[in-house]
């Protein structure tokens, strides 16, 4: 059983942006999470990190999330700068950094639908890949729920599609956590991410955001080719997620450039 966590203990003052730090809105922000046996993550990240396991039905499980959204008003957090819009999907595993005891995420990688991909991919060697991303969503302002949520990504690295639905009857259900707040802190509030750069060095960057106001949803269909290719979540398992969360829009500050660890 995961320990109890209170969001107030994880909220920090926003570090002052500087240099090339970025501010962006994340629209149609969803977190589709799968719980799978912990051994499937063996060898994916360095020994410095350990899987932040959740006990589900008596078995230690690791959680991996697919996070699709549209970057809107992507711009400098410091200087006047043009604003950009682009579709993006992140693939992340929940881990603990044993060097700092911080709970964070391990990025398997990202697909980005933008010419701007060249900067993170080639300048910073991030594991970001090209993809054509299409969202077909209908959000009802009066109910605060999605009547339709579809995302498709065409990509040689991580082809993906997902269809979600929301209703007033949807409830939070997080096996292995003592309460809903503890689970939401775990799933929505990691502020540090690590990854293998394209040159196999260890990289990291940090983000900041307020409390996310995600609501539960249900999955109608999903196909995340990257997860099945890696043997983390088999294709037939992808129709049964651990949890699905959606927030119509939020705002993130991203602190750049990413750094090389060690």
C-alpha atoms as a PDB file:
ATOM      1  CA  UNK A   1       0.000   0.000   0.000  1.00  0.00           C
ATOM      2  CA  UNK A   2       1.310   3.443  -0.940  1.00  0.00           C
ATOM      3  CA  UNK A   3       1.584   5.883   1.952  1.00  0.00           C
ATOM      4  CA  UNK A   4      -0.836   8.749   2.473  1.00  0.00           C
ATOM      5  CA  UNK A   5       0.148  12.011   0.763  1.00  0.00           C
ATOM      6  CA  UNK A   6      -1.276  15.497   0.996  1.00  0.00           C
ATOM      7  CA  UNK A   7      -0.978  17.829  -1.964  1.00  0.00           C
ATOM      8  CA  UNK A   8      -0.113  20.755   0.312  1.00  0.00           C
ATOM      9  CA  UNK A   9       3.164  18.990   1.119  1.00  0.00           C
ATOM     10  CA  UNK A  10       4.134  18.941  -2.562  1.00  0.00           C
ATOM     11  CA  UNK A  11       3.050  22.397  -3.688  1.00  0.00           C
ATOM     12  CA  UNK A  12       6.005  24.766  -4.023  1.00  0.00           C
ATOM     13  CA  UNK A  13       6.412  28.392  -5.013  1.00  0.00           C
ATOM     14  CA  UNK A  14       6.956  28.793  -8.722  1.00  0.00           C
ATOM     15  CA  UNK A  15      10.706  29.157  -9.366  1.00  0.00           C
ATOM     16  CA  UNK A  16      11.271  32.422 -11.219  1.00  0.00           C
ATOM     17  CA  UNK A  17      11.608  31.768 -14.964  1.00  0.00           C
ATOM     18  CA  UNK A  18      14.741  33.002 -16.684  1.00  0.00           C
ATOM     19  CA  UNK A  19      16.651  32.589 -19.891  1.00  0.00           C
ATOM     20  CA  UNK A  20      14.851  30.247 -22.300  1.00  0.00           C
ATOM     21  CA  UNK A  21      12.297  28.847 -19.851  1.00  0.00           C
ATOM     22  CA  UNK A  22       8.920  28.193 -21.472  1.00  0.00           C
ATOM     23  CA  UNK A  23       5.294  28.804 -20.534  1.00  0.00           C
ATOM     24  CA  UNK A  24       2.565  26.766 -22.205  1.00  0.00           C
ATOM     25  CA  UNK A  25      -1.044  25.704 -21.878  1.00  0.00           C
ATOM     26  CA  UNK A  26      -1.776  21.994 -22.160  1.00  0.00           C
ATOM     27  CA  UNK A  27      -5.173  21.479 -23.783  1.00  0.00           C
ATOM     28  CA  UNK A  28      -7.129  18.175 -23.847  1.00  0.00           C
ATOM     29  CA  UNK A  29      -4.656  16.953 -21.215  1.00  0.00           C
ATOM     30  CA  UNK A  30      -5.219  13.266 -20.444  1.00  0.00           C
ATOM     31  CA  UNK A  31      -3.341  10.719 -18.319  1.00  0.00           C
ATOM     32  CA  UNK A  32      -4.070   7.118 -19.328  1.00  0.00           C
ATOM     33  CA  UNK A  33      -2.318   4.861 -16.830  1.00  0.00           C
ATOM     34  CA  UNK A  34      -1.624   1.130 -16.836  1.00  0.00           C
ATOM     35  CA  UNK A  35      -0.579  -1.067 -13.899  1.00  0.00           C
ATOM     36  CA  UNK A  36       1.621  -3.980 -14.945  1.00  0.00           C
ATOM     37  CA  UNK A  37       3.932  -6.413 -13.119  1.00  0.00           C
ATOM     38  CA  UNK A  38       7.053  -4.675 -11.839  1.00  0.00           C
ATOM     39  CA  UNK A  39       9.427  -7.069 -13.615  1.00  0.00           C
ATOM     40  CA  UNK A  40       8.401  -5.666 -17.015  1.00  0.00           C
ATOM     41  CA  UNK A  41      10.391  -2.498 -16.260  1.00  0.00           C
ATOM     42  CA  UNK A  42      13.661  -4.313 -15.635  1.00  0.00           C
ATOM     43  CA  UNK A  43      16.581  -2.685 -17.439  1.00  0.00           C
ATOM     44  CA  UNK A  44      14.619   0.322 -18.686  1.00  0.00           C
ATOM     45  CA  UNK A  45      16.215   2.913 -16.378  1.00  0.00           C
ATOM     46  CA  UNK A  46      19.535   3.122 -14.470  1.00  0.00           C
ATOM     47  CA  UNK A  47      20.091   1.617 -11.011  1.00  0.00           C
ATOM     48  CA  UNK A  48      19.957   5.108  -9.506  1.00  0.00           C
ATOM     49  CA  UNK A  49      16.178   4.918  -9.858  1.00  0.00           C
ATOM     50  CA  UNK A  50      13.683   2.468  -8.428  1.00  0.00           C
ATOM     51  CA  UNK A  51      10.173   1.736  -9.583  1.00  0.00           C
ATOM     52  CA  UNK A  52       7.560   3.446  -7.396  1.00  0.00           C
ATOM     53  CA  UNK A  53       5.474   0.300  -7.025  1.00  0.00           C
ATOM     54  CA  UNK A  54       1.804   0.063  -6.133  1.00  0.00           C
ATOM     55  CA  UNK A  55       0.358  -3.100  -4.607  1.00  0.00           C
ATOM     56  CA  UNK A  56      -2.673  -4.224  -6.585  1.00  0.00           C
ATOM     57  CA  UNK A  57      -4.402  -7.492  -5.633  1.00  0.00           C
ATOM     58  CA  UNK A  58      -1.359  -8.512  -3.615  1.00  0.00           C
ATOM     59  CA  UNK A  59       1.146  -7.972  -6.453  1.00  0.00           C
ATOM     60  CA  UNK A  60       3.739  -5.220  -6.867  1.00  0.00           C
ATOM     61  CA  UNK A  61       2.847  -3.288  -9.983  1.00  0.00           C
ATOM     62  CA  UNK A  62       4.569  -0.463 -11.806  1.00  0.00           C
ATOM     63  CA  UNK A  63       2.548   2.340 -13.345  1.00  0.00           C
ATOM     64  CA  UNK A  64       3.148   3.753 -16.811  1.00  0.00           C
ATOM     65  CA  UNK A  65       1.149   6.622 -18.285  1.00  0.00           C
ATOM     66  CA  UNK A  66       0.440   7.874 -21.774  1.00  0.00           C
ATOM     67  CA  UNK A  67      -0.116  11.644 -21.656  1.00  0.00           C
ATOM     68  CA  UNK A  68      -1.547  13.254 -24.816  1.00  0.00           C
ATOM     69  CA  UNK A  69      -2.297  16.973 -25.111  1.00  0.00           C
ATOM     70  CA  UNK A  70      -2.049  20.004 -27.368  1.00  0.00           C
ATOM     71  CA  UNK A  71       0.535  22.637 -26.507  1.00  0.00           C
ATOM     72  CA  UNK A  72      -1.275  25.953 -26.881  1.00  0.00           C
ATOM     73  CA  UNK A  73       0.246  29.409 -26.433  1.00  0.00           C
ATOM     74  CA  UNK A  74       3.678  27.777 -26.215  1.00  0.00           C
ATOM     75  CA  UNK A  75       6.002  30.730 -25.698  1.00  0.00           C
ATOM     76  CA  UNK A  76       8.852  32.225 -23.695  1.00  0.00           C
ATOM     77  CA  UNK A  77       8.128  32.615 -19.975  1.00  0.00           C
ATOM     78  CA  UNK A  78      10.464  35.632 -19.886  1.00  0.00           C
ATOM     79  CA  UNK A  79      10.481  37.563 -23.157  1.00  0.00           C
ATOM     80  CA  UNK A  80       7.914  38.646 -25.764  1.00  0.00           C
ATOM     81  CA  UNK A  81       7.884  35.801 -28.266  1.00  0.00           C
ATOM     82  CA  UNK A  82       5.574  34.257 -30.892  1.00  0.00           C
ATOM     83  CA  UNK A  83       3.140  31.613 -29.625  1.00  0.00           C
ATOM     84  CA  UNK A  84       2.952  28.108 -31.083  1.00  0.00           C
ATOM     85  CA  UNK A  85       0.418  25.256 -31.060  1.00  0.00           C
ATOM     86  CA  UNK A  86       1.394  21.591 -31.471  1.00  0.00           C
ATOM     87  CA  UNK A  87       0.181  18.121 -30.561  1.00  0.00           C
ATOM     88  CA  UNK A  88       2.281  16.067 -28.179  1.00  0.00           C
ATOM     89  CA  UNK A  89       2.211  12.706 -26.375  1.00  0.00           C
ATOM     90  CA  UNK A  90       4.517  11.763 -23.482  1.00  0.00           C
ATOM     91  CA  UNK A  91       5.205   8.227 -22.277  1.00  0.00           C
ATOM     92  CA  UNK A  92       6.309   8.093 -18.641  1.00  0.00           C
ATOM     93  CA  UNK A  93       7.001   5.606 -15.834  1.00  0.00           C
ATOM     94  CA  UNK A  94       6.670   6.535 -12.154  1.00  0.00           C
ATOM     95  CA  UNK A  95       9.970   6.164 -10.300  1.00  0.00           C
ATOM     96  CA  UNK A  96      11.892   7.297  -7.210  1.00  0.00           C
ATOM     97  CA  UNK A  97      15.266   9.025  -7.518  1.00  0.00           C
ATOM     98  CA  UNK A  98      17.273   7.257  -4.796  1.00  0.00           C
ATOM     99  CA  UNK A  99      19.877  10.073  -4.853  1.00  0.00           C
ATOM    100  CA  UNK A 100      17.302  12.606  -3.632  1.00  0.00           C
ATOM    101  CA  UNK A 101      14.302  10.448  -2.555  1.00  0.00           C
ATOM    102  CA  UNK A 102      12.155  12.557  -4.905  1.00  0.00           C
ATOM    103  CA  UNK A 103       9.284  10.920  -6.715  1.00  0.00           C
ATOM    104  CA  UNK A 104       9.599  11.671 -10.402  1.00  0.00           C
ATOM    105  CA  UNK A 105       9.039  10.116 -13.821  1.00  0.00           C
ATOM    106  CA  UNK A 106      11.158   8.271 -16.348  1.00  0.00           C
ATOM    107  CA  UNK A 107      10.385   9.358 -19.901  1.00  0.00           C
ATOM    108  CA  UNK A 108      10.403   6.618 -22.496  1.00  0.00           C
ATOM    109  CA  UNK A 109      10.053   9.437 -25.009  1.00  0.00           C
ATOM    110  CA  UNK A 110       7.739  11.900 -26.678  1.00  0.00           C
ATOM    111  CA  UNK A 111       6.047  12.409 -30.028  1.00  0.00           C
ATOM    112  CA  UNK A 112       5.691  15.985 -31.249  1.00  0.00           C
ATOM    113  CA  UNK A 113       3.780  17.359 -34.218  1.00  0.00           C
ATOM    114  CA  UNK A 114       5.850  20.438 -35.043  1.00  0.00           C
ATOM    115  CA  UNK A 115       8.787  21.710 -37.032  1.00  0.00           C
ATOM    116  CA  UNK A 116      10.137  22.803 -33.636  1.00  0.00           C
ATOM    117  CA  UNK A 117      11.013  19.148 -32.944  1.00  0.00           C
ATOM    118  CA  UNK A 118      14.512  19.921 -34.243  1.00  0.00           C
ATOM    119  CA  UNK A 119      15.401  21.879 -31.089  1.00  0.00           C
ATOM    120  CA  UNK A 120      14.750  19.200 -28.421  1.00  0.00           C
ATOM    121  CA  UNK A 121      15.770  16.313 -30.683  1.00  0.00           C
ATOM    122  CA  UNK A 122      18.997  17.602 -32.201  1.00  0.00           C
ATOM    123  CA  UNK A 123      20.128  20.498 -30.005  1.00  0.00           C
ATOM    124  CA  UNK A 124      19.391  18.829 -26.652  1.00  0.00           C
ATOM    125  CA  UNK A 125      19.402  15.158 -27.733  1.00  0.00           C
ATOM    126  CA  UNK A 126      16.030  14.485 -26.084  1.00  0.00           C
ATOM    127  CA  UNK A 127      14.249  11.214 -27.004  1.00  0.00           C
ATOM    128  CA  UNK A 128      11.598  13.120 -28.945  1.00  0.00           C
ATOM    129  CA  UNK A 129      10.217  11.818 -32.223  1.00  0.00           C
ATOM    130  CA  UNK A 130       8.132  13.108 -35.105  1.00  0.00           C
ATOM    131  CA  UNK A 131       4.441  12.306 -35.265  1.00  0.00           C
ATOM    132  CA  UNK A 132       1.303  13.639 -36.908  1.00  0.00           C
ATOM    133  CA  UNK A 133      -1.161  14.213 -34.080  1.00  0.00           C
ATOM    134  CA  UNK A 134      -4.899  14.738 -34.551  1.00  0.00           C
ATOM    135  CA  UNK A 135      -7.418  15.501 -31.803  1.00  0.00           C
ATOM    136  CA  UNK A 136     -11.192  15.270 -32.271  1.00  0.00           C
ATOM    137  CA  UNK A 137     -12.746  16.481 -29.026  1.00  0.00           C
ATOM    138  CA  UNK A 138     -16.020  17.977 -27.860  1.00  0.00           C
ATOM    139  CA  UNK A 139     -16.050  19.534 -24.398  1.00  0.00           C
ATOM    140  CA  UNK A 140     -19.339  20.559 -22.782  1.00  0.00           C
ATOM    141  CA  UNK A 141     -18.782  23.777 -20.826  1.00  0.00           C
ATOM    142  CA  UNK A 142     -22.040  23.412 -18.918  1.00  0.00           C
ATOM    143  CA  UNK A 143     -21.257  19.939 -17.550  1.00  0.00           C
ATOM    144  CA  UNK A 144     -17.487  20.295 -17.441  1.00  0.00           C
ATOM    145  CA  UNK A 145     -17.188  16.934 -19.195  1.00  0.00           C
ATOM    146  CA  UNK A 146     -16.035  15.647 -22.565  1.00  0.00           C
ATOM    147  CA  UNK A 147     -18.770  14.368 -24.842  1.00  0.00           C
ATOM    148  CA  UNK A 148     -16.066  13.140 -27.218  1.00  0.00           C
ATOM    149  CA  UNK A 149     -12.315  12.682 -26.879  1.00  0.00           C
ATOM    150  CA  UNK A 150     -10.290  11.085 -29.641  1.00  0.00           C
ATOM    151  CA  UNK A 151      -6.578  11.301 -30.386  1.00  0.00           C
ATOM    152  CA  UNK A 152      -4.622   9.663 -33.190  1.00  0.00           C
ATOM    153  CA  UNK A 153      -0.889   9.817 -33.807  1.00  0.00           C
ATOM    154  CA  UNK A 154       0.814   8.635 -36.973  1.00  0.00           C
ATOM    155  CA  UNK A 155       4.451   7.926 -36.140  1.00  0.00           C
ATOM    156  CA  UNK A 156       7.054   5.350 -37.084  1.00  0.00           C
ATOM    157  CA  UNK A 157       8.255   5.442 -33.464  1.00  0.00           C
ATOM    158  CA  UNK A 158       4.994   5.416 -31.500  1.00  0.00           C
ATOM    159  CA  UNK A 159       1.787   5.073 -33.501  1.00  0.00           C
ATOM    160  CA  UNK A 160      -1.130   5.664 -31.153  1.00  0.00           C
ATOM    161  CA  UNK A 161      -4.872   6.073 -30.909  1.00  0.00           C
ATOM    162  CA  UNK A 162      -7.213   6.499 -27.968  1.00  0.00           C
ATOM    163  CA  UNK A 163     -10.884   7.241 -27.426  1.00  0.00           C
ATOM    164  CA  UNK A 164     -12.187   8.357 -24.037  1.00  0.00           C
ATOM    165  CA  UNK A 165     -15.610   9.205 -22.669  1.00  0.00           C
ATOM    166  CA  UNK A 166     -16.824  10.970 -19.531  1.00  0.00           C
ATOM    167  CA  UNK A 167     -20.060  10.907 -17.554  1.00  0.00           C
ATOM    168  CA  UNK A 168     -21.365  12.248 -14.269  1.00  0.00           C
ATOM    169  CA  UNK A 169     -21.222   8.722 -12.849  1.00  0.00           C
ATOM    170  CA  UNK A 170     -17.449   8.342 -13.319  1.00  0.00           C
ATOM    171  CA  UNK A 171     -15.612   7.879 -10.031  1.00  0.00           C
ATOM    172  CA  UNK A 172     -11.984   7.902  -8.928  1.00  0.00           C
ATOM    173  CA  UNK A 173     -10.737   4.387  -8.257  1.00  0.00           C
ATOM    174  CA  UNK A 174      -7.098   3.870  -7.294  1.00  0.00           C
ATOM    175  CA  UNK A 175      -6.328   0.387  -5.903  1.00  0.00           C
ATOM    176  CA  UNK A 176      -3.197   0.383  -3.770  1.00  0.00           C
ATOM    177  CA  UNK A 177      -3.585   3.938  -2.462  1.00  0.00           C
ATOM    178  CA  UNK A 178      -5.072   4.877   0.911  1.00  0.00           C
ATOM    179  CA  UNK A 179      -7.202   7.666  -0.584  1.00  0.00           C
ATOM    180  CA  UNK A 180      -7.894   9.656  -3.750  1.00  0.00           C
ATOM    181  CA  UNK A 181      -5.671  12.607  -2.833  1.00  0.00           C
ATOM    182  CA  UNK A 182      -2.629  10.364  -2.368  1.00  0.00           C
ATOM    183  CA  UNK A 183      -3.170   8.816  -5.798  1.00  0.00           C
ATOM    184  CA  UNK A 184      -3.646  12.180  -7.501  1.00  0.00           C
ATOM    185  CA  UNK A 185      -0.413  13.498  -5.975  1.00  0.00           C
ATOM    186  CA  UNK A 186       1.376  10.415  -7.332  1.00  0.00           C
ATOM    187  CA  UNK A 187      -0.131  10.596 -10.825  1.00  0.00           C
ATOM    188  CA  UNK A 188      -0.355  14.338 -11.466  1.00  0.00           C
ATOM    189  CA  UNK A 189       2.378  16.029  -9.478  1.00  0.00           C
ATOM    190  CA  UNK A 190       5.854  14.739 -10.371  1.00  0.00           C
ATOM    191  CA  UNK A 191       7.921  17.822 -11.224  1.00  0.00           C
ATOM    192  CA  UNK A 192      11.175  16.174 -12.344  1.00  0.00           C
ATOM    193  CA  UNK A 193      11.703  13.919 -15.326  1.00  0.00           C
ATOM    194  CA  UNK A 194      14.674  11.779 -16.331  1.00  0.00           C
ATOM    195  CA  UNK A 195      15.460   9.962 -19.578  1.00  0.00           C
ATOM    196  CA  UNK A 196      18.197   8.544 -21.732  1.00  0.00           C
ATOM    197  CA  UNK A 197      19.268  11.136 -24.243  1.00  0.00           C
ATOM    198  CA  UNK A 198      19.732  10.110 -27.844  1.00  0.00           C
ATOM    199  CA  UNK A 199      23.477   9.858 -27.112  1.00  0.00           C
ATOM    200  CA  UNK A 200      22.676   7.495 -24.171  1.00  0.00           C
ATOM    201  CA  UNK A 201      23.677  10.022 -21.512  1.00  0.00           C
ATOM    202  CA  UNK A 202      21.327  10.565 -18.588  1.00  0.00           C
ATOM    203  CA  UNK A 203      19.291  13.767 -18.926  1.00  0.00           C
ATOM    204  CA  UNK A 204      16.776  15.643 -16.809  1.00  0.00           C
ATOM    205  CA  UNK A 205      14.522  18.683 -16.762  1.00  0.00           C
ATOM    206  CA  UNK A 206      11.959  20.147 -14.391  1.00  0.00           C
ATOM    207  CA  UNK A 207       8.489  21.656 -14.676  1.00  0.00           C
ATOM    208  CA  UNK A 208       6.166  23.595 -12.405  1.00  0.00           C
ATOM    209  CA  UNK A 209       2.383  23.776 -12.290  1.00  0.00           C
ATOM    210  CA  UNK A 210      -0.427  24.455  -9.886  1.00  0.00           C
ATOM    211  CA  UNK A 211      -2.707  21.715  -8.623  1.00  0.00           C
ATOM    212  CA  UNK A 212      -4.174  19.903 -11.608  1.00  0.00           C
ATOM    213  CA  UNK A 213      -7.984  19.649 -11.643  1.00  0.00           C
ATOM    214  CA  UNK A 214      -8.281  16.334 -13.457  1.00  0.00           C
ATOM    215  CA  UNK A 215     -11.538  14.397 -13.499  1.00  0.00           C
ATOM    216  CA  UNK A 216     -12.032  10.657 -14.030  1.00  0.00           C
ATOM    217  CA  UNK A 217     -12.979   9.233 -17.409  1.00  0.00           C
ATOM    218  CA  UNK A 218     -13.381   5.855 -19.079  1.00  0.00           C
ATOM    219  CA  UNK A 219     -11.500   4.354 -21.989  1.00  0.00           C
ATOM    220  CA  UNK A 220     -13.453   3.170 -25.020  1.00  0.00           C
ATOM    221  CA  UNK A 221     -10.464   2.017 -27.080  1.00  0.00           C
ATOM    222  CA  UNK A 222      -6.696   2.363 -27.160  1.00  0.00           C
ATOM    223  CA  UNK A 223      -3.714   1.307 -29.227  1.00  0.00           C
ATOM    224  CA  UNK A 224      -0.301   2.423 -27.972  1.00  0.00           C
ATOM    225  CA  UNK A 225       2.172   0.637 -30.197  1.00  0.00           C
ATOM    226  CA  UNK A 226       5.227   1.748 -28.228  1.00  0.00           C
ATOM    227  CA  UNK A 227       4.000   0.052 -25.056  1.00  0.00           C
ATOM    228  CA  UNK A 228       3.313  -3.233 -26.829  1.00  0.00           C
ATOM    229  CA  UNK A 229       6.581  -3.055 -28.815  1.00  0.00           C
ATOM    230  CA  UNK A 230       8.522  -2.685 -25.546  1.00  0.00           C
ATOM    231  CA  UNK A 231       6.556  -5.485 -23.885  1.00  0.00           C
ATOM    232  CA  UNK A 232       5.381  -3.170 -21.094  1.00  0.00           C
ATOM    233  CA  UNK A 233       1.646  -3.278 -21.850  1.00  0.00           C
ATOM    234  CA  UNK A 234       0.554  -5.894 -24.354  1.00  0.00           C
ATOM    235  CA  UNK A 235      -2.007  -4.886 -26.979  1.00  0.00           C
ATOM    236  CA  UNK A 236      -4.763  -6.998 -25.418  1.00  0.00           C
ATOM    237  CA  UNK A 237      -4.135  -5.361 -22.014  1.00  0.00           C
ATOM    238  CA  UNK A 238      -4.508  -1.817 -23.270  1.00  0.00           C
ATOM    239  CA  UNK A 239      -8.297  -1.894 -23.123  1.00  0.00           C
ATOM    240  CA  UNK A 240      -8.148  -2.181 -19.312  1.00  0.00           C
ATOM    241  CA  UNK A 241      -6.274   0.823 -17.868  1.00  0.00           C
ATOM    242  CA  UNK A 242      -5.583   1.352 -14.192  1.00  0.00           C
ATOM    243  CA  UNK A 243      -7.034   4.865 -14.386  1.00  0.00           C
ATOM    244  CA  UNK A 244      -7.988   7.598 -16.852  1.00  0.00           C
ATOM    245  CA  UNK A 245      -7.876  11.311 -16.020  1.00  0.00           C
ATOM    246  CA  UNK A 246      -8.688  14.363 -18.144  1.00  0.00           C
ATOM    247  CA  UNK A 247      -8.289  18.094 -17.601  1.00  0.00           C
ATOM    248  CA  UNK A 248      -9.512  20.453 -20.378  1.00  0.00           C
ATOM    249  CA  UNK A 249      -6.557  22.837 -19.999  1.00  0.00           C
ATOM    250  CA  UNK A 250      -3.823  23.718 -17.542  1.00  0.00           C
ATOM    251  CA  UNK A 251      -0.603  25.717 -17.535  1.00  0.00           C
ATOM    252  CA  UNK A 252       2.958  24.479 -17.135  1.00  0.00           C
ATOM    253  CA  UNK A 253       6.276  26.271 -16.767  1.00  0.00           C
ATOM    254  CA  UNK A 254       9.150  24.272 -18.267  1.00  0.00           C
ATOM    255  CA  UNK A 255      12.685  25.036 -17.119  1.00  0.00           C
ATOM    256  CA  UNK A 256      15.210  24.868 -19.946  1.00  0.00           C
ATOM    257  CA  UNK A 257      17.634  23.853 -21.217  1.00  0.00           C
ATOM    258  CA  UNK A 258      17.597  20.252 -20.023  1.00  0.00           C
ATOM    259  CA  UNK A 259      20.751  19.178 -18.233  1.00  0.00           C
ATOM    260  CA  UNK A 260      23.069  16.183 -18.469  1.00  0.00           C
ATOM    261  CA  UNK A 261      23.380  14.276 -15.191  1.00  0.00           C
ATOM    262  CA  UNK A 262      26.945  13.499 -14.182  1.00  0.00           C
END
